[in-house]
């Protein structure tokens, strides 16, 4: 089963009524990225993050449509991002699936430093990553915040020599997602 099918199964499973453990689904998720290169600063973001966490197993799945990113310095730059670099027609989603390493009690309010270990699938290239995150539990709502870097080479994204001073080889990513209980 490929990752896209796994994510679809998790979303379908999550939408079915359950009498046991409640799962948490992303209702307001934002991902931003920054390419801070020698000659140019590029920023883009999207609020189209979808995701789910299963407290019974600590497993999670997050995905975002590549074409939903907006910002950039021009529409041409956005077009090049989609067509030449991440090839969003072939690889329409960024996907991160895995498990939260720490044992958690999602019913206790607090701020927790956690590690999410899983497969980050960008541009058709999966890399196992451990991403340090802050998980805030407040009255049955979760908020996940994370900052991490993604080396483009890890995901087979090549930068042409002609623009190598305008695009960073490592992209800074920020995630901020609010998740609510779902039955």
N, C-alpha and C. Protein backbone atom coordinates (compact mmCIF):
# COMPACT_ATOMS: atom_id res chain seq x y z
N UNK A 1 0.86 -1.18 0.00
CA UNK A 1 0.00 0.00 0.00
C UNK A 1 0.90 1.23 0.00
N UNK A 2 0.69 2.16 -0.94
CA UNK A 2 1.51 3.35 -0.97
C UNK A 2 1.02 4.37 0.05
N UNK A 3 1.79 5.42 0.26
CA UNK A 3 1.50 6.40 1.30
C UNK A 3 0.19 7.13 1.02
N UNK A 4 -0.06 7.46 -0.23
CA UNK A 4 -1.31 8.17 -0.55
C UNK A 4 -2.52 7.32 -0.17
N UNK A 5 -2.47 6.02 -0.48
CA UNK A 5 -3.58 5.14 -0.11
C UNK A 5 -3.70 5.03 1.40
N UNK A 6 -2.56 4.99 2.10
CA UNK A 6 -2.59 4.93 3.55
C UNK A 6 -3.25 6.16 4.14
N UNK A 7 -2.88 7.33 3.62
CA UNK A 7 -3.48 8.58 4.11
C UNK A 7 -4.98 8.58 3.84
N UNK A 8 -5.38 8.15 2.64
CA UNK A 8 -6.81 8.09 2.32
C UNK A 8 -7.55 7.15 3.26
N UNK A 9 -6.95 5.99 3.54
CA UNK A 9 -7.57 5.03 4.46
C UNK A 9 -7.72 5.63 5.86
N UNK A 10 -6.70 6.33 6.31
CA UNK A 10 -6.77 6.94 7.64
C UNK A 10 -7.88 7.98 7.67
N UNK A 11 -7.99 8.82 6.63
CA UNK A 11 -9.03 9.84 6.60
C UNK A 11 -10.42 9.21 6.55
N UNK A 12 -10.59 8.15 5.75
CA UNK A 12 -11.87 7.46 5.67
C UNK A 12 -12.20 6.82 7.01
N UNK A 13 -11.22 6.15 7.61
CA UNK A 13 -11.42 5.51 8.91
C UNK A 13 -11.80 6.55 9.95
N UNK A 14 -11.15 7.69 9.89
CA UNK A 14 -11.40 8.74 10.86
C UNK A 14 -12.80 9.33 10.73
N UNK A 15 -13.36 9.34 9.53
CA UNK A 15 -14.66 9.95 9.33
C UNK A 15 -15.80 9.03 9.76
N UNK A 16 -15.51 7.76 10.05
CA UNK A 16 -16.53 6.84 10.50
C UNK A 16 -16.75 7.03 11.99
N UNK A 17 -18.03 6.94 12.46
CA UNK A 17 -18.27 7.08 13.89
C UNK A 17 -17.59 5.96 14.67
N UNK A 18 -16.95 6.33 15.75
CA UNK A 18 -16.26 5.36 16.60
C UNK A 18 -16.79 5.47 18.01
N UNK A 19 -16.93 4.37 18.66
CA UNK A 19 -17.39 4.41 20.04
C UNK A 19 -16.21 4.40 21.00
N UNK A 20 -15.05 4.04 20.53
CA UNK A 20 -13.88 3.93 21.41
C UNK A 20 -13.17 5.28 21.48
N UNK A 21 -11.92 5.27 21.18
CA UNK A 21 -11.04 6.43 21.32
C UNK A 21 -11.32 7.50 20.26
N UNK A 22 -11.39 8.74 20.70
CA UNK A 22 -11.55 9.87 19.79
C UNK A 22 -10.23 10.16 19.10
N UNK A 23 -10.30 10.50 17.83
CA UNK A 23 -9.12 10.93 17.09
C UNK A 23 -9.18 12.45 16.97
N UNK A 24 -8.05 13.06 16.63
CA UNK A 24 -7.98 14.50 16.45
C UNK A 24 -7.71 14.80 14.98
N UNK A 25 -8.48 15.73 14.43
CA UNK A 25 -8.30 16.11 13.04
C UNK A 25 -7.93 17.58 12.92
N UNK A 26 -7.06 17.89 11.98
CA UNK A 26 -6.64 19.28 11.75
C UNK A 26 -7.78 20.07 11.15
N UNK A 27 -8.13 21.17 11.81
CA UNK A 27 -9.19 22.05 11.31
C UNK A 27 -8.62 23.39 10.87
N UNK A 28 -7.43 23.70 11.30
CA UNK A 28 -6.81 24.98 10.97
C UNK A 28 -5.31 24.77 10.97
N UNK A 29 -4.78 24.37 9.83
CA UNK A 29 -3.35 24.08 9.78
C UNK A 29 -2.64 24.94 8.76
N UNK A 30 -1.52 25.50 9.16
CA UNK A 30 -0.75 26.35 8.27
C UNK A 30 0.68 25.83 8.17
N UNK A 31 1.19 25.82 6.95
CA UNK A 31 2.59 25.49 6.70
C UNK A 31 3.19 26.64 5.91
N UNK A 32 4.34 27.10 6.38
CA UNK A 32 5.07 28.16 5.68
C UNK A 32 6.47 27.66 5.38
N UNK A 33 7.06 28.17 4.30
CA UNK A 33 8.46 27.87 4.07
C UNK A 33 9.20 29.11 3.63
N UNK A 34 10.50 29.09 3.92
CA UNK A 34 11.38 30.20 3.58
C UNK A 34 12.61 29.64 2.89
N UNK A 35 12.93 30.23 1.75
CA UNK A 35 14.20 29.96 1.08
C UNK A 35 15.01 31.23 1.23
N UNK A 36 16.02 31.19 2.09
CA UNK A 36 16.83 32.36 2.38
C UNK A 36 18.18 32.18 1.69
N UNK A 37 18.22 32.50 0.40
CA UNK A 37 19.43 32.32 -0.40
C UNK A 37 20.25 33.61 -0.42
N UNK A 38 21.43 33.50 -0.98
CA UNK A 38 22.36 34.63 -1.03
C UNK A 38 21.76 35.86 -1.70
N UNK A 39 21.03 35.67 -2.80
CA UNK A 39 20.53 36.81 -3.56
C UNK A 39 19.02 37.03 -3.46
N UNK A 40 18.30 36.10 -2.83
CA UNK A 40 16.84 36.25 -2.81
C UNK A 40 16.22 35.54 -1.62
N UNK A 41 15.19 36.18 -1.08
CA UNK A 41 14.38 35.60 -0.01
C UNK A 41 13.02 35.25 -0.61
N UNK A 42 12.65 33.98 -0.49
CA UNK A 42 11.37 33.51 -1.03
C UNK A 42 10.56 32.94 0.13
N UNK A 43 9.31 33.37 0.24
CA UNK A 43 8.42 32.82 1.27
C UNK A 43 7.10 32.41 0.61
N UNK A 44 6.51 31.36 1.15
CA UNK A 44 5.20 30.90 0.69
C UNK A 44 4.53 30.17 1.84
N UNK A 45 3.20 30.09 1.78
CA UNK A 45 2.47 29.39 2.84
C UNK A 45 1.14 28.89 2.32
N UNK A 46 0.53 28.03 3.10
CA UNK A 46 -0.81 27.53 2.82
C UNK A 46 -1.50 27.23 4.15
N UNK A 47 -2.79 27.36 4.16
CA UNK A 47 -3.58 26.99 5.34
C UNK A 47 -4.46 25.79 5.01
N UNK A 48 -4.01 24.97 4.09
CA UNK A 48 -4.78 23.80 3.62
C UNK A 48 -4.27 22.48 4.20
N UNK A 49 -3.57 22.54 5.32
CA UNK A 49 -3.05 21.32 5.93
C UNK A 49 -4.19 20.43 6.41
N UNK A 50 -4.10 19.15 6.08
CA UNK A 50 -5.04 18.15 6.58
C UNK A 50 -4.25 17.17 7.42
N UNK A 51 -4.87 16.68 8.49
CA UNK A 51 -4.13 15.74 9.31
C UNK A 51 -5.00 15.06 10.35
N UNK A 52 -4.43 14.02 10.92
CA UNK A 52 -5.12 13.25 11.95
C UNK A 52 -4.09 12.67 12.91
N UNK A 53 -4.46 12.62 14.17
CA UNK A 53 -3.65 11.94 15.20
C UNK A 53 -4.57 10.97 15.90
N UNK A 54 -4.11 9.73 16.07
CA UNK A 54 -4.85 8.71 16.80
C UNK A 54 -4.19 8.55 18.17
N UNK A 55 -4.80 9.07 19.24
CA UNK A 55 -4.20 8.98 20.57
C UNK A 55 -4.00 7.55 21.07
N UNK A 56 -4.80 6.62 20.58
CA UNK A 56 -4.68 5.23 21.04
C UNK A 56 -3.36 4.61 20.61
N UNK A 57 -2.84 5.05 19.45
CA UNK A 57 -1.61 4.46 18.92
C UNK A 57 -0.48 5.47 18.77
N UNK A 58 -0.79 6.76 18.96
CA UNK A 58 0.16 7.86 18.74
C UNK A 58 0.52 8.01 17.26
N UNK A 59 -0.20 7.38 16.36
CA UNK A 59 0.09 7.49 14.94
C UNK A 59 -0.54 8.75 14.37
N UNK A 60 0.09 9.27 13.32
CA UNK A 60 -0.41 10.49 12.67
C UNK A 60 -0.23 10.39 11.17
N UNK A 61 -0.97 11.24 10.48
CA UNK A 61 -0.83 11.42 9.03
C UNK A 61 -1.20 12.86 8.71
N UNK A 62 -0.33 13.53 7.99
CA UNK A 62 -0.57 14.90 7.55
C UNK A 62 -0.30 14.99 6.06
N UNK A 63 -1.08 15.81 5.37
CA UNK A 63 -0.82 16.05 3.95
C UNK A 63 -1.26 17.47 3.60
N UNK A 64 -0.64 17.97 2.54
CA UNK A 64 -1.00 19.29 2.03
C UNK A 64 -0.82 19.29 0.52
N UNK A 65 -1.74 19.93 -0.16
CA UNK A 65 -1.64 20.07 -1.60
C UNK A 65 -0.51 21.03 -1.95
N UNK A 66 0.39 20.60 -2.80
CA UNK A 66 1.54 21.42 -3.19
C UNK A 66 1.06 22.70 -3.87
N UNK A 67 0.05 22.60 -4.71
CA UNK A 67 -0.41 23.76 -5.45
C UNK A 67 -1.14 24.78 -4.59
N UNK A 68 -1.41 24.45 -3.34
CA UNK A 68 -2.11 25.41 -2.46
C UNK A 68 -1.17 26.47 -1.89
N UNK A 69 0.15 26.30 -2.06
CA UNK A 69 1.09 27.30 -1.53
C UNK A 69 0.97 28.60 -2.33
N UNK A 70 0.92 29.71 -1.60
CA UNK A 70 0.84 31.03 -2.21
C UNK A 70 1.85 31.93 -1.53
N UNK A 71 2.08 33.07 -2.12
CA UNK A 71 3.07 34.00 -1.61
C UNK A 71 4.08 34.22 -2.71
N UNK A 72 5.27 33.72 -2.54
CA UNK A 72 6.33 33.84 -3.53
C UNK A 72 6.56 35.33 -3.85
N UNK A 73 7.50 35.62 -4.69
CA UNK A 73 7.79 36.99 -5.08
C UNK A 73 7.09 37.37 -6.38
N UNK A 74 6.60 36.38 -7.10
CA UNK A 74 5.87 36.63 -8.34
C UNK A 74 5.10 35.36 -8.72
N UNK A 75 4.15 35.53 -9.59
CA UNK A 75 3.39 34.38 -10.09
C UNK A 75 4.30 33.45 -10.89
N UNK A 76 5.26 33.99 -11.61
CA UNK A 76 6.21 33.18 -12.37
C UNK A 76 7.04 32.31 -11.42
N UNK A 77 7.44 32.86 -10.29
CA UNK A 77 8.20 32.09 -9.31
C UNK A 77 7.35 30.93 -8.77
N UNK A 78 6.07 31.18 -8.51
CA UNK A 78 5.15 30.13 -8.04
C UNK A 78 5.02 29.05 -9.12
N UNK A 79 4.91 29.47 -10.36
CA UNK A 79 4.80 28.53 -11.48
C UNK A 79 6.06 27.66 -11.58
N UNK A 80 7.23 28.26 -11.46
CA UNK A 80 8.48 27.49 -11.51
C UNK A 80 8.57 26.52 -10.34
N UNK A 81 8.16 26.95 -9.15
CA UNK A 81 8.12 26.07 -7.98
C UNK A 81 7.32 24.81 -8.29
N UNK A 82 6.11 24.99 -8.85
CA UNK A 82 5.22 23.86 -9.14
C UNK A 82 5.69 23.02 -10.32
N UNK A 83 6.17 23.65 -11.39
CA UNK A 83 6.49 22.92 -12.60
C UNK A 83 7.90 22.37 -12.65
N UNK A 84 8.88 23.17 -12.24
CA UNK A 84 10.27 22.79 -12.42
C UNK A 84 10.92 22.13 -11.20
N UNK A 85 10.50 22.52 -10.02
CA UNK A 85 11.20 22.04 -8.83
C UNK A 85 10.47 20.89 -8.13
N UNK A 86 9.23 21.12 -7.69
CA UNK A 86 8.52 20.04 -6.98
C UNK A 86 7.61 19.22 -7.88
N UNK A 87 7.46 19.62 -9.14
CA UNK A 87 6.67 18.88 -10.13
C UNK A 87 5.32 18.44 -9.57
N UNK A 88 4.52 19.44 -9.19
CA UNK A 88 3.25 19.17 -8.51
C UNK A 88 2.24 18.40 -9.37
N UNK A 89 2.42 18.37 -10.68
CA UNK A 89 1.54 17.55 -11.51
C UNK A 89 1.80 16.07 -11.25
N UNK A 90 3.05 15.68 -11.03
CA UNK A 90 3.42 14.28 -10.73
C UNK A 90 3.31 13.96 -9.25
N UNK A 91 3.63 14.93 -8.41
CA UNK A 91 3.68 14.74 -6.95
C UNK A 91 2.82 15.81 -6.29
N UNK A 92 1.49 15.64 -6.30
CA UNK A 92 0.58 16.72 -5.88
C UNK A 92 0.51 16.97 -4.37
N UNK A 93 1.05 16.08 -3.56
CA UNK A 93 0.94 16.22 -2.10
C UNK A 93 2.31 16.14 -1.44
N UNK A 94 2.48 16.90 -0.36
CA UNK A 94 3.55 16.67 0.60
C UNK A 94 2.89 15.87 1.72
N UNK A 95 3.51 14.76 2.13
CA UNK A 95 2.89 13.86 3.10
C UNK A 95 3.89 13.51 4.20
N UNK A 96 3.40 13.50 5.44
CA UNK A 96 4.22 13.08 6.58
C UNK A 96 3.38 12.13 7.41
N UNK A 97 3.81 10.86 7.52
CA UNK A 97 3.10 9.85 8.29
C UNK A 97 4.06 9.18 9.25
N UNK A 98 3.56 8.84 10.42
CA UNK A 98 4.42 8.16 11.38
C UNK A 98 3.79 8.07 12.75
N UNK A 99 4.65 8.24 13.76
CA UNK A 99 4.21 8.03 15.14
C UNK A 99 4.91 9.03 16.06
N UNK A 100 4.16 9.52 17.04
CA UNK A 100 4.76 10.36 18.08
C UNK A 100 5.50 9.44 19.03
N UNK A 101 6.77 9.74 19.27
CA UNK A 101 7.63 8.84 20.05
C UNK A 101 7.23 8.81 21.52
N UNK A 102 6.97 9.97 22.10
CA UNK A 102 6.66 10.04 23.54
C UNK A 102 5.26 9.50 23.83
N UNK A 103 5.12 8.87 24.99
CA UNK A 103 3.80 8.45 25.46
C UNK A 103 3.07 9.72 25.89
N UNK A 104 1.82 9.84 25.48
CA UNK A 104 1.06 11.05 25.75
C UNK A 104 -0.28 10.72 26.37
N UNK A 105 -0.74 11.58 27.25
CA UNK A 105 -2.11 11.55 27.73
C UNK A 105 -2.76 12.82 27.20
N UNK A 106 -3.53 12.68 26.15
CA UNK A 106 -4.10 13.81 25.44
C UNK A 106 -5.23 14.47 26.22
N UNK A 107 -5.57 13.93 27.39
CA UNK A 107 -6.65 14.51 28.19
C UNK A 107 -6.11 15.48 29.26
N UNK A 108 -4.79 15.56 29.40
CA UNK A 108 -4.19 16.43 30.43
C UNK A 108 -3.66 17.70 29.78
N UNK A 109 -4.23 18.85 30.19
CA UNK A 109 -3.78 20.14 29.65
C UNK A 109 -2.30 20.34 29.95
N UNK A 110 -1.60 20.94 29.00
CA UNK A 110 -0.19 21.25 29.20
C UNK A 110 0.52 21.49 27.88
N UNK A 111 1.78 21.86 27.99
CA UNK A 111 2.63 22.07 26.83
C UNK A 111 3.71 21.00 26.87
N UNK A 112 3.82 20.23 25.80
CA UNK A 112 4.72 19.09 25.76
C UNK A 112 5.69 19.21 24.58
N UNK A 113 6.93 18.91 24.84
CA UNK A 113 7.93 18.81 23.77
C UNK A 113 7.92 17.35 23.31
N UNK A 114 7.63 17.15 22.03
CA UNK A 114 7.51 15.79 21.50
C UNK A 114 8.39 15.64 20.27
N UNK A 115 8.56 14.37 19.85
CA UNK A 115 9.26 14.05 18.61
C UNK A 115 8.32 13.21 17.75
N UNK A 116 8.14 13.67 16.52
CA UNK A 116 7.33 12.94 15.55
C UNK A 116 8.29 12.24 14.60
N UNK A 117 8.23 10.91 14.58
CA UNK A 117 9.10 10.14 13.70
C UNK A 117 8.25 9.52 12.60
N UNK A 118 8.69 9.75 11.36
CA UNK A 118 7.93 9.18 10.26
C UNK A 118 8.58 9.43 8.92
N UNK A 119 7.83 9.11 7.88
CA UNK A 119 8.29 9.27 6.51
C UNK A 119 7.76 10.58 5.95
N UNK A 120 8.68 11.44 5.56
CA UNK A 120 8.34 12.70 4.90
C UNK A 120 8.49 12.47 3.40
N UNK A 121 7.38 12.58 2.69
CA UNK A 121 7.35 12.30 1.25
C UNK A 121 7.17 13.63 0.50
N UNK A 122 8.24 14.05 -0.14
CA UNK A 122 8.24 15.27 -0.95
C UNK A 122 8.88 14.92 -2.29
N UNK A 123 8.22 15.31 -3.36
CA UNK A 123 8.76 15.10 -4.71
C UNK A 123 8.99 13.61 -4.98
N UNK A 124 8.14 12.76 -4.40
CA UNK A 124 8.25 11.33 -4.62
C UNK A 124 9.40 10.67 -3.89
N UNK A 125 10.10 11.41 -3.04
CA UNK A 125 11.24 10.88 -2.30
C UNK A 125 10.91 10.86 -0.81
N UNK A 126 10.85 9.68 -0.24
CA UNK A 126 10.57 9.53 1.19
C UNK A 126 11.87 9.57 1.98
N UNK A 127 11.85 10.31 3.06
CA UNK A 127 12.97 10.36 3.99
C UNK A 127 12.41 10.17 5.40
N UNK A 128 13.00 9.27 6.16
CA UNK A 128 12.59 9.13 7.55
C UNK A 128 13.16 10.30 8.33
N UNK A 129 12.28 10.98 9.05
CA UNK A 129 12.67 12.18 9.80
C UNK A 129 12.15 12.09 11.22
N UNK A 130 12.86 12.70 12.12
CA UNK A 130 12.36 12.96 13.47
C UNK A 130 12.25 14.46 13.59
N UNK A 131 11.03 14.93 13.78
CA UNK A 131 10.76 16.37 13.85
C UNK A 131 10.33 16.72 15.27
N UNK A 132 11.11 17.57 15.90
CA UNK A 132 10.77 18.06 17.23
C UNK A 132 9.63 19.06 17.11
N UNK A 133 8.64 18.90 17.98
CA UNK A 133 7.45 19.73 17.92
C UNK A 133 7.01 20.10 19.33
N UNK A 134 6.22 21.15 19.41
CA UNK A 134 5.57 21.52 20.66
C UNK A 134 4.10 21.17 20.51
N UNK A 135 3.59 20.37 21.44
CA UNK A 135 2.18 19.97 21.44
C UNK A 135 1.53 20.61 22.65
N UNK A 136 0.54 21.45 22.40
CA UNK A 136 -0.22 22.09 23.48
C UNK A 136 -1.58 21.42 23.55
N UNK A 137 -1.93 20.92 24.73
CA UNK A 137 -3.25 20.33 24.97
C UNK A 137 -4.01 21.31 25.84
N UNK A 138 -5.17 21.75 25.36
CA UNK A 138 -5.97 22.69 26.13
C UNK A 138 -7.45 22.38 25.94
N UNK A 139 -8.06 21.84 26.99
CA UNK A 139 -9.50 21.57 27.02
C UNK A 139 -9.96 20.76 25.80
N UNK A 140 -9.25 19.70 25.48
CA UNK A 140 -9.65 18.80 24.40
C UNK A 140 -9.22 19.23 23.02
N UNK A 141 -8.47 20.31 22.92
CA UNK A 141 -7.97 20.79 21.63
C UNK A 141 -6.45 20.65 21.62
N UNK A 142 -5.90 20.25 20.48
CA UNK A 142 -4.45 20.14 20.32
C UNK A 142 -3.96 21.25 19.41
N UNK A 143 -2.76 21.72 19.72
CA UNK A 143 -2.08 22.64 18.80
C UNK A 143 -0.67 22.12 18.64
N UNK A 144 -0.26 21.94 17.38
CA UNK A 144 1.07 21.44 17.08
C UNK A 144 1.85 22.55 16.38
N UNK A 145 3.05 22.81 16.90
CA UNK A 145 3.93 23.79 16.30
C UNK A 145 5.29 23.14 16.09
N UNK A 146 5.87 23.37 14.92
CA UNK A 146 7.17 22.79 14.60
C UNK A 146 7.93 23.70 13.66
N UNK A 147 9.23 23.71 13.82
CA UNK A 147 10.15 24.41 12.92
C UNK A 147 11.26 23.44 12.58
N UNK A 148 11.53 23.27 11.29
CA UNK A 148 12.59 22.34 10.89
C UNK A 148 13.08 22.72 9.49
N UNK A 149 14.19 22.14 9.10
CA UNK A 149 14.78 22.40 7.78
C UNK A 149 14.68 21.16 6.90
N UNK A 150 14.53 21.40 5.61
CA UNK A 150 14.48 20.32 4.63
C UNK A 150 15.56 20.57 3.58
N UNK A 151 16.59 19.73 3.55
CA UNK A 151 17.58 19.84 2.46
C UNK A 151 16.94 19.38 1.14
N UNK A 152 17.00 20.21 0.13
CA UNK A 152 16.38 19.87 -1.15
C UNK A 152 16.97 18.59 -1.75
N UNK A 153 18.26 18.38 -1.56
CA UNK A 153 18.92 17.19 -2.10
C UNK A 153 18.31 15.90 -1.54
N UNK A 154 17.81 15.94 -0.28
CA UNK A 154 17.18 14.75 0.31
C UNK A 154 15.96 14.29 -0.46
N UNK A 155 15.36 15.20 -1.22
CA UNK A 155 14.14 14.87 -1.94
C UNK A 155 14.32 15.02 -3.46
N UNK A 156 15.58 14.92 -3.87
CA UNK A 156 15.91 14.91 -5.30
C UNK A 156 15.37 16.14 -6.04
N UNK A 157 15.46 17.30 -5.39
CA UNK A 157 15.06 18.55 -6.02
C UNK A 157 16.34 19.27 -6.43
N UNK A 158 16.55 19.38 -7.72
CA UNK A 158 17.77 19.99 -8.25
C UNK A 158 17.53 21.47 -8.53
N UNK A 159 18.53 22.27 -8.22
CA UNK A 159 18.49 23.70 -8.49
C UNK A 159 19.46 23.99 -9.64
N UNK A 160 18.96 24.52 -10.74
CA UNK A 160 19.85 24.82 -11.87
C UNK A 160 20.92 25.85 -11.48
N UNK A 161 22.07 25.71 -12.04
CA UNK A 161 23.21 26.58 -11.73
C UNK A 161 22.86 28.06 -11.92
N UNK A 162 22.04 28.37 -12.92
CA UNK A 162 21.72 29.75 -13.24
C UNK A 162 20.96 30.46 -12.10
N UNK A 163 20.27 29.71 -11.24
CA UNK A 163 19.53 30.31 -10.13
C UNK A 163 20.00 29.82 -8.77
N UNK A 164 21.17 29.19 -8.70
CA UNK A 164 21.60 28.59 -7.44
C UNK A 164 21.89 29.61 -6.33
N UNK A 165 22.07 30.88 -6.66
CA UNK A 165 22.24 31.89 -5.62
C UNK A 165 20.92 32.53 -5.22
N UNK A 166 19.83 32.11 -5.88
CA UNK A 166 18.51 32.66 -5.58
C UNK A 166 17.61 31.68 -4.84
N UNK A 167 18.04 30.41 -4.77
CA UNK A 167 17.24 29.39 -4.09
C UNK A 167 18.15 28.66 -3.11
N UNK A 168 17.73 28.65 -1.85
CA UNK A 168 18.52 28.00 -0.80
C UNK A 168 18.54 26.49 -1.00
N UNK A 169 19.61 25.86 -0.60
CA UNK A 169 19.70 24.39 -0.69
C UNK A 169 18.96 23.72 0.46
N UNK A 170 18.66 24.48 1.50
CA UNK A 170 17.92 23.97 2.65
C UNK A 170 16.77 24.94 2.94
N UNK A 171 15.57 24.42 3.00
CA UNK A 171 14.37 25.23 3.17
C UNK A 171 13.91 25.17 4.62
N UNK A 172 13.60 26.33 5.20
CA UNK A 172 13.09 26.42 6.57
C UNK A 172 11.57 26.28 6.53
N UNK A 173 11.04 25.37 7.36
CA UNK A 173 9.61 25.08 7.36
C UNK A 173 9.03 25.36 8.75
N UNK A 174 7.84 25.96 8.77
CA UNK A 174 7.12 26.20 10.02
C UNK A 174 5.72 25.61 9.88
N UNK A 175 5.30 24.86 10.90
CA UNK A 175 3.97 24.25 10.92
C UNK A 175 3.25 24.73 12.18
N UNK A 176 1.97 25.09 12.01
CA UNK A 176 1.13 25.49 13.14
C UNK A 176 -0.27 24.95 12.85
N UNK A 177 -0.67 23.92 13.58
CA UNK A 177 -1.94 23.25 13.30
C UNK A 177 -2.78 23.11 14.57
N UNK A 178 -4.05 23.48 14.46
CA UNK A 178 -5.02 23.27 15.53
C UNK A 178 -5.80 22.02 15.18
N UNK A 179 -5.96 21.13 16.16
CA UNK A 179 -6.67 19.87 15.91
C UNK A 179 -7.76 19.69 16.94
N UNK A 180 -8.92 19.28 16.47
CA UNK A 180 -10.09 19.07 17.34
C UNK A 180 -10.47 17.60 17.37
N UNK A 181 -11.12 17.18 18.47
CA UNK A 181 -11.60 15.79 18.54
C UNK A 181 -12.63 15.52 17.44
N UNK A 182 -12.55 14.31 16.88
CA UNK A 182 -13.53 13.88 15.88
C UNK A 182 -14.04 12.52 16.27
N UNK A 183 -15.30 12.30 16.10
CA UNK A 183 -15.91 11.00 16.39
C UNK A 183 -16.19 10.26 15.11
